[in-house]
Amino acid sequence: MAKVRGAIVVDIEKCKGCEVCVGACPTDVIGMSTAVNAKGYHYAYMKNPEACTGCTNCAIVCPDGVITVYRKKMDK
């Protein structure tokens, strides 16, 4: 069975840093940046990208819809 690898893309200029996605991630992939965007918010980013399964929990709970999730099947 092929393993699924995921990746997220966060629109950092629209992210308000609410951290809802951090709690929704079952594999602890998402963290909050120490840098800020143009509006002064700390934004979400992939702190542990190799653990992402592409489950889409983060994108579903994001109140501003700034997270896009990609999935790719990886051959072992």
Protein backbone atom coordinates (compact mmCIF):
# COMPACT_ATOMS: atom_id res chain seq x y z
CA MET A 1 0.00 0.00 0.00
CA ALA A 2 1.35 3.41 -0.95
CA LYS A 3 1.99 5.93 1.78
CA VAL A 4 0.36 9.34 1.46
CA ARG A 5 2.50 12.40 2.04
CA GLY A 6 0.90 15.73 2.58
CA ALA A 7 1.92 19.34 2.45
CA ILE A 8 0.21 22.56 3.40
CA VAL A 9 0.50 26.02 1.96
CA VAL A 10 -0.49 28.92 4.19
CA ASP A 11 -1.33 32.33 2.75
CA ILE A 12 0.82 34.07 5.34
CA GLU A 13 -0.44 37.56 4.57
CA LYS A 14 -4.03 36.53 5.33
CA CYS A 15 -3.28 34.33 8.36
CA LYS A 16 -4.39 35.99 11.64
CA GLY A 17 -2.46 33.62 13.89
CA CYS A 18 -5.49 32.24 15.72
CA GLU A 19 -3.69 28.87 16.21
CA VAL A 20 -6.86 26.80 15.64
CA CYS A 21 -5.01 24.75 13.02
CA VAL A 22 -2.22 23.91 15.47
CA GLY A 23 -4.62 22.10 17.80
CA ALA A 24 -6.45 20.41 14.92
CA CYS A 25 -3.32 18.76 13.51
CA PRO A 26 -3.09 15.15 14.75
CA THR A 27 0.58 14.77 13.77
CA ASP A 28 1.95 18.03 15.22
CA VAL A 29 2.98 19.41 11.82
CA ILE A 30 1.93 23.03 12.25
CA GLY A 31 3.65 25.66 14.35
CA MET A 32 3.46 29.40 14.66
CA SER A 33 6.20 31.50 13.12
CA THR A 34 8.26 33.88 15.22
CA ALA A 35 8.14 36.30 12.29
CA VAL A 36 5.07 38.40 11.59
CA ASN A 37 3.16 39.21 8.41
CA ALA A 38 2.38 42.73 7.14
CA LYS A 39 -0.57 43.01 9.56
CA GLY A 40 1.58 42.09 12.56
CA TYR A 41 0.29 38.55 13.13
CA HIS A 42 2.42 35.48 13.76
CA TYR A 43 1.41 33.03 11.01
CA ALA A 44 1.17 29.24 10.77
CA TYR A 45 3.84 27.21 8.98
CA MET A 46 4.94 23.57 8.59
CA LYS A 47 7.37 23.01 11.48
CA ASN A 48 7.44 19.23 10.94
CA PRO A 49 6.74 18.67 7.22
CA GLU A 50 7.78 15.01 7.07
CA ALA A 51 4.93 14.09 9.45
CA CYS A 52 2.12 15.60 7.32
CA THR A 53 -0.43 13.03 6.13
CA GLY A 54 -2.61 15.46 4.18
CA CYS A 55 -5.62 14.85 6.45
CA THR A 56 -7.03 18.38 5.76
CA ASN A 57 -8.05 18.98 9.40
CA CYS A 58 -6.15 22.27 9.42
CA ALA A 59 -7.84 23.56 6.28
CA ILE A 60 -11.28 22.55 7.54
CA VAL A 61 -10.98 24.38 10.86
CA CYS A 62 -9.24 27.50 9.52
CA PRO A 63 -11.79 30.30 10.00
CA ASP A 64 -10.23 32.39 7.23
CA GLY A 65 -9.64 29.60 4.70
CA VAL A 66 -5.96 30.44 4.23
CA ILE A 67 -4.64 26.85 4.26
CA THR A 68 -4.43 24.66 1.17
CA VAL A 69 -3.56 20.98 1.57
CA TYR A 70 -1.86 18.84 -1.06
CA ARG A 71 -1.53 15.05 -1.04
CA LYS A 72 0.75 12.76 -3.01
CA LYS A 73 1.01 8.98 -2.96
CA MET A 74 4.56 7.87 -2.33
CA ASP A 75 5.81 4.45 -3.47
CA LYS A 76 7.74 2.57 -0.82
